[in-house]
N, C-alpha and C. Protein backbone atom coordinates (compact mmCIF):
# COMPACT_ATOMS: atom_id res chain seq x y z
N MET A 1 0.82 -1.19 0.00
CA MET A 1 0.00 0.00 0.00
C MET A 1 0.87 1.26 0.00
N LYS A 2 2.00 1.19 0.74
CA LYS A 2 2.91 2.34 0.79
C LYS A 2 3.42 2.66 -0.61
N ARG A 3 3.80 1.62 -1.35
CA ARG A 3 4.33 1.81 -2.70
C ARG A 3 3.28 2.46 -3.59
N PHE A 4 2.06 1.97 -3.54
CA PHE A 4 1.00 2.51 -4.39
C PHE A 4 0.76 3.99 -4.10
N LEU A 5 0.69 4.34 -2.82
CA LEU A 5 0.46 5.74 -2.45
C LEU A 5 1.63 6.63 -2.84
N LEU A 6 2.84 6.13 -2.70
CA LEU A 6 4.00 6.91 -3.11
C LEU A 6 3.95 7.23 -4.60
N PHE A 7 3.71 6.21 -5.41
CA PHE A 7 3.67 6.43 -6.85
C PHE A 7 2.47 7.27 -7.25
N LEU A 8 1.35 7.07 -6.59
CA LEU A 8 0.13 7.79 -6.97
C LEU A 8 0.13 9.25 -6.52
N LEU A 9 0.58 9.52 -5.30
CA LEU A 9 0.52 10.88 -4.77
C LEU A 9 1.81 11.67 -4.96
N LEU A 10 2.93 11.05 -4.69
CA LEU A 10 4.20 11.77 -4.77
C LEU A 10 4.76 11.81 -6.19
N GLY A 11 4.52 10.75 -6.97
CA GLY A 11 5.08 10.66 -8.32
C GLY A 11 4.76 11.85 -9.21
N PRO A 12 3.49 12.18 -9.42
CA PRO A 12 3.20 13.34 -10.27
C PRO A 12 3.74 14.66 -9.71
N ALA A 13 3.82 14.79 -8.39
CA ALA A 13 4.36 16.03 -7.81
C ALA A 13 5.85 16.16 -8.11
N VAL A 14 6.59 15.06 -8.00
CA VAL A 14 8.01 15.08 -8.33
C VAL A 14 8.20 15.37 -9.82
N GLY A 15 7.40 14.71 -10.64
CA GLY A 15 7.48 14.95 -12.08
C GLY A 15 7.17 16.40 -12.43
N PHE A 16 6.18 16.97 -11.77
CA PHE A 16 5.83 18.37 -12.04
C PHE A 16 6.94 19.31 -11.61
N ALA A 17 7.56 19.03 -10.48
CA ALA A 17 8.67 19.87 -10.01
C ALA A 17 9.84 19.82 -11.00
N VAL A 18 10.15 18.65 -11.50
CA VAL A 18 11.23 18.52 -12.48
C VAL A 18 10.84 19.21 -13.79
N PHE A 19 9.57 19.08 -14.18
CA PHE A 19 9.10 19.76 -15.38
C PHE A 19 9.25 21.27 -15.25
N GLU A 20 8.87 21.81 -14.10
CA GLU A 20 8.99 23.25 -13.88
C GLU A 20 10.45 23.70 -13.88
N ILE A 21 11.32 22.91 -13.27
CA ILE A 21 12.75 23.24 -13.30
C ILE A 21 13.27 23.22 -14.73
N ARG A 22 12.83 22.24 -15.50
CA ARG A 22 13.21 22.15 -16.92
C ARG A 22 12.74 23.37 -17.69
N GLU A 23 11.53 23.81 -17.43
CA GLU A 23 10.98 24.97 -18.12
C GLU A 23 11.73 26.25 -17.74
N VAL A 24 12.04 26.43 -16.47
CA VAL A 24 12.75 27.62 -16.01
C VAL A 24 14.16 27.65 -16.60
N LEU A 25 14.84 26.51 -16.61
CA LEU A 25 16.20 26.46 -17.15
C LEU A 25 16.24 26.72 -18.65
N SER A 26 15.15 26.42 -19.34
CA SER A 26 15.11 26.68 -20.78
C SER A 26 14.58 28.08 -21.09
N GLY A 27 14.24 28.84 -20.05
CA GLY A 27 13.79 30.22 -20.25
C GLY A 27 12.31 30.38 -20.54
N ARG A 28 11.54 29.34 -20.30
CA ARG A 28 10.10 29.41 -20.54
C ARG A 28 9.35 29.32 -19.22
N ILE A 29 8.79 30.44 -18.81
CA ILE A 29 7.95 30.45 -17.61
C ILE A 29 6.56 30.84 -18.08
N ILE A 30 5.64 29.90 -17.98
CA ILE A 30 4.30 30.12 -18.52
C ILE A 30 3.34 30.47 -17.39
N GLY A 31 2.81 31.66 -17.41
CA GLY A 31 1.75 32.04 -16.49
C GLY A 31 2.17 32.44 -15.10
N GLY A 32 3.45 32.44 -14.78
CA GLY A 32 3.89 32.83 -13.45
C GLY A 32 3.33 31.93 -12.37
N PHE A 33 3.00 32.51 -11.22
CA PHE A 33 2.51 31.73 -10.08
C PHE A 33 1.15 31.09 -10.36
N ILE A 34 0.27 31.82 -11.05
CA ILE A 34 -1.05 31.27 -11.40
C ILE A 34 -0.88 30.08 -12.34
N GLY A 35 0.05 30.20 -13.28
CA GLY A 35 0.33 29.08 -14.18
C GLY A 35 0.85 27.86 -13.43
N PHE A 36 1.65 28.12 -12.40
CA PHE A 36 2.16 27.04 -11.56
C PHE A 36 1.00 26.35 -10.83
N LEU A 37 0.12 27.13 -10.22
CA LEU A 37 -1.02 26.56 -9.49
C LEU A 37 -1.97 25.79 -10.41
N MET A 38 -2.17 26.31 -11.61
CA MET A 38 -3.06 25.64 -12.56
C MET A 38 -2.39 24.40 -13.16
N GLY A 39 -1.08 24.40 -13.19
CA GLY A 39 -0.36 23.28 -13.77
C GLY A 39 -0.32 22.05 -12.89
N LEU A 40 -0.40 22.22 -11.59
CA LEU A 40 -0.31 21.08 -10.68
C LEU A 40 -1.45 20.08 -10.87
N PRO A 41 -2.73 20.49 -10.93
CA PRO A 41 -3.78 19.50 -11.19
C PRO A 41 -3.64 18.84 -12.56
N ILE A 42 -3.18 19.60 -13.54
CA ILE A 42 -2.97 19.03 -14.87
C ILE A 42 -1.84 18.00 -14.82
N ALA A 43 -0.80 18.29 -14.03
CA ALA A 43 0.30 17.34 -13.88
C ALA A 43 -0.19 16.03 -13.26
N TYR A 44 -1.08 16.11 -12.28
CA TYR A 44 -1.63 14.88 -11.69
C TYR A 44 -2.47 14.13 -12.71
N TRP A 45 -3.24 14.85 -13.49
CA TRP A 45 -4.10 14.20 -14.48
C TRP A 45 -3.27 13.45 -15.51
N PHE A 46 -2.25 14.11 -16.07
CA PHE A 46 -1.45 13.48 -17.11
C PHE A 46 -0.36 12.57 -16.55
N GLY A 47 0.01 12.74 -15.29
CA GLY A 47 1.03 11.89 -14.69
C GLY A 47 0.49 10.64 -14.04
N LEU A 48 -0.81 10.47 -14.01
CA LEU A 48 -1.40 9.33 -13.33
C LEU A 48 -1.10 8.01 -14.04
N LEU A 49 -1.32 7.95 -15.33
CA LEU A 49 -1.08 6.70 -16.06
C LEU A 49 0.39 6.29 -16.05
N PRO A 50 1.34 7.20 -16.33
CA PRO A 50 2.75 6.80 -16.19
C PRO A 50 3.10 6.35 -14.77
N SER A 51 2.53 7.01 -13.77
CA SER A 51 2.80 6.60 -12.38
C SER A 51 2.31 5.19 -12.11
N LEU A 52 1.14 4.86 -12.62
CA LEU A 52 0.60 3.51 -12.43
C LEU A 52 1.44 2.46 -13.15
N ILE A 53 1.95 2.79 -14.32
CA ILE A 53 2.83 1.85 -15.05
C ILE A 53 4.12 1.65 -14.27
N MET A 54 4.70 2.74 -13.76
CA MET A 54 5.94 2.62 -12.97
C MET A 54 5.68 1.86 -11.67
N TRP A 55 4.52 2.07 -11.06
CA TRP A 55 4.19 1.34 -9.84
C TRP A 55 4.11 -0.16 -10.12
N GLY A 56 3.46 -0.53 -11.21
CA GLY A 56 3.35 -1.95 -11.56
C GLY A 56 4.70 -2.59 -11.80
N GLU A 57 5.56 -1.89 -12.49
CA GLU A 57 6.91 -2.40 -12.76
C GLU A 57 7.69 -2.53 -11.45
N ASP A 58 7.60 -1.54 -10.59
CA ASP A 58 8.31 -1.56 -9.32
C ASP A 58 7.78 -2.66 -8.41
N TRP A 59 6.49 -2.84 -8.37
CA TRP A 59 5.88 -3.88 -7.55
C TRP A 59 6.28 -5.27 -8.06
N PHE A 60 6.30 -5.44 -9.38
CA PHE A 60 6.66 -6.73 -9.97
C PHE A 60 8.10 -7.11 -9.64
N LEU A 61 9.01 -6.13 -9.63
CA LEU A 61 10.43 -6.41 -9.41
C LEU A 61 10.85 -6.36 -7.95
N GLU A 62 9.95 -6.07 -7.04
CA GLU A 62 10.29 -5.87 -5.63
C GLU A 62 11.11 -7.02 -5.04
N ASP A 63 10.68 -8.25 -5.23
CA ASP A 63 11.35 -9.40 -4.62
C ASP A 63 12.33 -10.08 -5.57
N LYS A 64 12.44 -9.58 -6.79
CA LYS A 64 13.26 -10.25 -7.79
C LYS A 64 14.67 -9.69 -7.92
N ILE A 65 14.85 -8.40 -7.65
CA ILE A 65 16.17 -7.78 -7.76
C ILE A 65 16.38 -6.85 -6.56
N GLY A 66 17.61 -6.40 -6.40
CA GLY A 66 17.95 -5.52 -5.28
C GLY A 66 17.37 -4.12 -5.45
N LEU A 67 17.59 -3.31 -4.43
CA LEU A 67 17.01 -1.95 -4.42
C LEU A 67 17.54 -1.09 -5.55
N TRP A 68 18.86 -0.99 -5.70
CA TRP A 68 19.40 -0.05 -6.69
C TRP A 68 19.16 -0.49 -8.13
N PRO A 69 19.23 -1.79 -8.47
CA PRO A 69 18.82 -2.16 -9.83
C PRO A 69 17.34 -1.87 -10.09
N LYS A 70 16.51 -2.04 -9.06
CA LYS A 70 15.08 -1.76 -9.20
C LYS A 70 14.84 -0.26 -9.39
N VAL A 71 15.59 0.56 -8.66
CA VAL A 71 15.47 2.01 -8.81
C VAL A 71 15.88 2.42 -10.23
N LEU A 72 16.95 1.82 -10.73
CA LEU A 72 17.41 2.13 -12.07
C LEU A 72 16.39 1.71 -13.13
N THR A 73 15.81 0.52 -12.98
CA THR A 73 14.80 0.09 -13.96
C THR A 73 13.55 0.96 -13.89
N SER A 74 13.20 1.43 -12.70
CA SER A 74 12.05 2.33 -12.58
C SER A 74 12.33 3.67 -13.25
N ALA A 75 13.56 4.15 -13.14
CA ALA A 75 13.92 5.40 -13.80
C ALA A 75 13.88 5.24 -15.31
N VAL A 76 14.39 4.13 -15.82
CA VAL A 76 14.35 3.89 -17.27
C VAL A 76 12.91 3.72 -17.74
N THR A 77 12.11 2.99 -16.98
CA THR A 77 10.70 2.83 -17.33
C THR A 77 10.00 4.18 -17.34
N GLY A 78 10.25 5.00 -16.34
CA GLY A 78 9.64 6.33 -16.29
C GLY A 78 10.06 7.20 -17.47
N TYR A 79 11.32 7.11 -17.85
CA TYR A 79 11.83 7.88 -18.99
C TYR A 79 11.08 7.48 -20.27
N ILE A 80 10.99 6.18 -20.51
CA ILE A 80 10.34 5.69 -21.73
C ILE A 80 8.84 5.99 -21.72
N VAL A 81 8.19 5.76 -20.60
CA VAL A 81 6.74 5.96 -20.52
C VAL A 81 6.39 7.44 -20.68
N SER A 82 7.17 8.33 -20.08
CA SER A 82 6.84 9.76 -20.19
C SER A 82 7.03 10.25 -21.63
N ILE A 83 8.07 9.77 -22.31
CA ILE A 83 8.25 10.15 -23.72
C ILE A 83 7.11 9.59 -24.56
N ALA A 84 6.73 8.34 -24.30
CA ALA A 84 5.63 7.74 -25.05
C ALA A 84 4.33 8.51 -24.85
N MET A 85 4.04 8.89 -23.61
CA MET A 85 2.80 9.63 -23.34
C MET A 85 2.85 11.01 -24.01
N LEU A 86 4.00 11.65 -24.01
CA LEU A 86 4.14 12.94 -24.68
C LEU A 86 3.87 12.80 -26.17
N LEU A 87 4.44 11.78 -26.79
CA LEU A 87 4.26 11.60 -28.23
C LEU A 87 2.84 11.20 -28.59
N ILE A 88 2.18 10.47 -27.72
CA ILE A 88 0.79 10.06 -27.98
C ILE A 88 -0.16 11.24 -27.82
N TRP A 89 0.04 12.06 -26.79
CA TRP A 89 -0.93 13.10 -26.46
C TRP A 89 -0.68 14.44 -27.13
N THR A 90 0.48 14.65 -27.73
CA THR A 90 0.73 15.96 -28.33
C THR A 90 0.17 16.02 -29.74
N SER A 91 -0.23 17.21 -30.13
CA SER A 91 -0.77 17.40 -31.47
C SER A 91 0.12 18.29 -32.32
N VAL A 92 1.21 18.78 -31.75
CA VAL A 92 2.14 19.64 -32.48
C VAL A 92 3.50 18.95 -32.55
N PRO A 93 4.24 19.21 -33.61
CA PRO A 93 5.59 18.62 -33.67
C PRO A 93 6.50 19.24 -32.61
N ILE A 94 7.27 18.40 -31.96
CA ILE A 94 8.18 18.84 -30.90
C ILE A 94 9.59 18.44 -31.32
N PRO A 95 10.56 19.35 -31.19
CA PRO A 95 11.94 19.00 -31.54
C PRO A 95 12.48 17.86 -30.67
N LEU A 96 13.35 17.05 -31.25
CA LEU A 96 13.90 15.89 -30.57
C LEU A 96 14.58 16.22 -29.23
N PRO A 97 15.37 17.29 -29.13
CA PRO A 97 15.99 17.58 -27.82
C PRO A 97 14.95 17.84 -26.72
N GLN A 98 13.84 18.47 -27.06
CA GLN A 98 12.80 18.71 -26.06
C GLN A 98 12.12 17.40 -25.66
N ILE A 99 11.95 16.50 -26.62
CA ILE A 99 11.35 15.20 -26.30
C ILE A 99 12.26 14.42 -25.36
N LEU A 100 13.55 14.41 -25.67
CA LEU A 100 14.49 13.64 -24.85
C LEU A 100 14.64 14.23 -23.45
N THR A 101 14.62 15.54 -23.32
CA THR A 101 14.71 16.12 -21.97
C THR A 101 13.41 15.95 -21.20
N PHE A 102 12.29 15.82 -21.90
CA PHE A 102 11.02 15.58 -21.21
C PHE A 102 11.04 14.22 -20.51
N GLY A 103 11.83 13.28 -21.02
CA GLY A 103 11.94 11.98 -20.37
C GLY A 103 12.49 12.06 -18.96
N LEU A 104 13.23 13.13 -18.66
CA LEU A 104 13.75 13.30 -17.30
C LEU A 104 12.64 13.47 -16.28
N VAL A 105 11.50 13.99 -16.73
CA VAL A 105 10.35 14.15 -15.83
C VAL A 105 9.93 12.79 -15.28
N GLY A 106 9.72 11.83 -16.16
CA GLY A 106 9.31 10.50 -15.73
C GLY A 106 10.42 9.73 -15.04
N ALA A 107 11.66 9.93 -15.51
CA ALA A 107 12.78 9.22 -14.89
C ALA A 107 12.96 9.64 -13.43
N SER A 108 12.86 10.93 -13.16
CA SER A 108 13.00 11.39 -11.78
C SER A 108 11.85 10.89 -10.92
N GLN A 109 10.68 10.89 -11.48
CA GLN A 109 9.49 10.39 -10.78
C GLN A 109 9.68 8.92 -10.40
N GLY A 110 10.09 8.10 -11.34
CA GLY A 110 10.30 6.68 -11.07
C GLY A 110 11.44 6.44 -10.09
N LEU A 111 12.51 7.21 -10.23
CA LEU A 111 13.66 7.06 -9.36
C LEU A 111 13.31 7.36 -7.91
N VAL A 112 12.69 8.50 -7.66
CA VAL A 112 12.38 8.91 -6.28
C VAL A 112 11.36 7.96 -5.64
N CYS A 113 10.31 7.64 -6.37
CA CYS A 113 9.26 6.79 -5.78
C CYS A 113 9.76 5.36 -5.54
N SER A 114 10.53 4.82 -6.47
CA SER A 114 11.06 3.47 -6.29
C SER A 114 12.04 3.42 -5.13
N TRP A 115 12.88 4.44 -5.02
CA TRP A 115 13.83 4.49 -3.92
C TRP A 115 13.10 4.58 -2.58
N LEU A 116 12.12 5.47 -2.48
CA LEU A 116 11.40 5.62 -1.21
C LEU A 116 10.59 4.37 -0.86
N SER A 117 10.05 3.69 -1.85
CA SER A 117 9.27 2.49 -1.56
C SER A 117 10.15 1.32 -1.16
N GLY A 118 11.44 1.37 -1.49
CA GLY A 118 12.35 0.29 -1.14
C GLY A 118 13.04 0.46 0.19
N ILE A 119 12.89 1.61 0.81
CA ILE A 119 13.53 1.85 2.11
C ILE A 119 12.77 1.09 3.18
N LYS A 120 13.50 0.29 3.91
CA LYS A 120 12.91 -0.49 5.02
C LYS A 120 13.29 0.16 6.34
N PRO A 121 12.41 0.13 7.32
CA PRO A 121 12.76 0.66 8.64
C PRO A 121 13.91 -0.13 9.25
N LYS A 122 14.71 0.54 10.09
CA LYS A 122 15.83 -0.14 10.75
C LYS A 122 15.30 -1.27 11.62
N GLY A 123 15.98 -2.39 11.54
CA GLY A 123 15.58 -3.55 12.33
C GLY A 123 14.49 -4.38 11.68
N ASP A 124 14.03 -3.97 10.49
CA ASP A 124 12.96 -4.68 9.79
C ASP A 124 13.59 -5.49 8.66
N ARG A 125 14.25 -6.57 9.00
CA ARG A 125 14.99 -7.37 8.02
C ARG A 125 14.07 -8.31 7.24
N ASP A 126 12.94 -8.70 7.83
CA ASP A 126 12.08 -9.68 7.16
C ASP A 126 10.87 -9.02 6.50
N GLY A 127 10.94 -7.72 6.23
CA GLY A 127 9.87 -7.04 5.51
C GLY A 127 8.61 -6.83 6.31
N GLY A 128 8.68 -6.84 7.64
CA GLY A 128 7.51 -6.58 8.45
C GLY A 128 6.72 -7.83 8.83
N ARG A 129 7.19 -9.01 8.40
CA ARG A 129 6.47 -10.24 8.72
C ARG A 129 6.75 -10.62 10.18
N VAL A 130 5.77 -11.16 10.82
CA VAL A 130 5.93 -11.62 12.19
C VAL A 130 6.36 -13.08 12.14
N SER A 131 7.49 -13.38 12.76
CA SER A 131 7.95 -14.77 12.76
C SER A 131 7.32 -15.51 13.92
N GLU A 132 7.00 -16.76 13.62
CA GLU A 132 6.41 -17.60 14.67
C GLU A 132 7.52 -18.45 15.25
N ALA A 133 7.88 -18.18 16.47
CA ALA A 133 8.98 -18.93 17.10
C ALA A 133 8.46 -19.92 18.10
């Protein structure tokens, strides 16, 4: 449940923050503070499907590989999924460098959420299971 909530609630927020940083660094600030406030709900709307795909991939690999390989695969999955969603949903041609940098939005989202979902509390070596002794 923790993993699902992280990807669902935190994922689009991280992606939106990276998107805004990307926009500011490229010299495009759209709408100022009001644009920022209006962009957050839109980020959740468009970031929901990629977040669910990354959550599924992260959940599937949880017990199969270690934390850092899983974090890396989630970042790569996020990169690919965010570029795919951009290409599917856009109606205007976008230059290749902008498409490739947009992948960082999903990659950062997958990286942060996968890393946070893999952190175990200290002393919790068996994943929270109660052993019967």
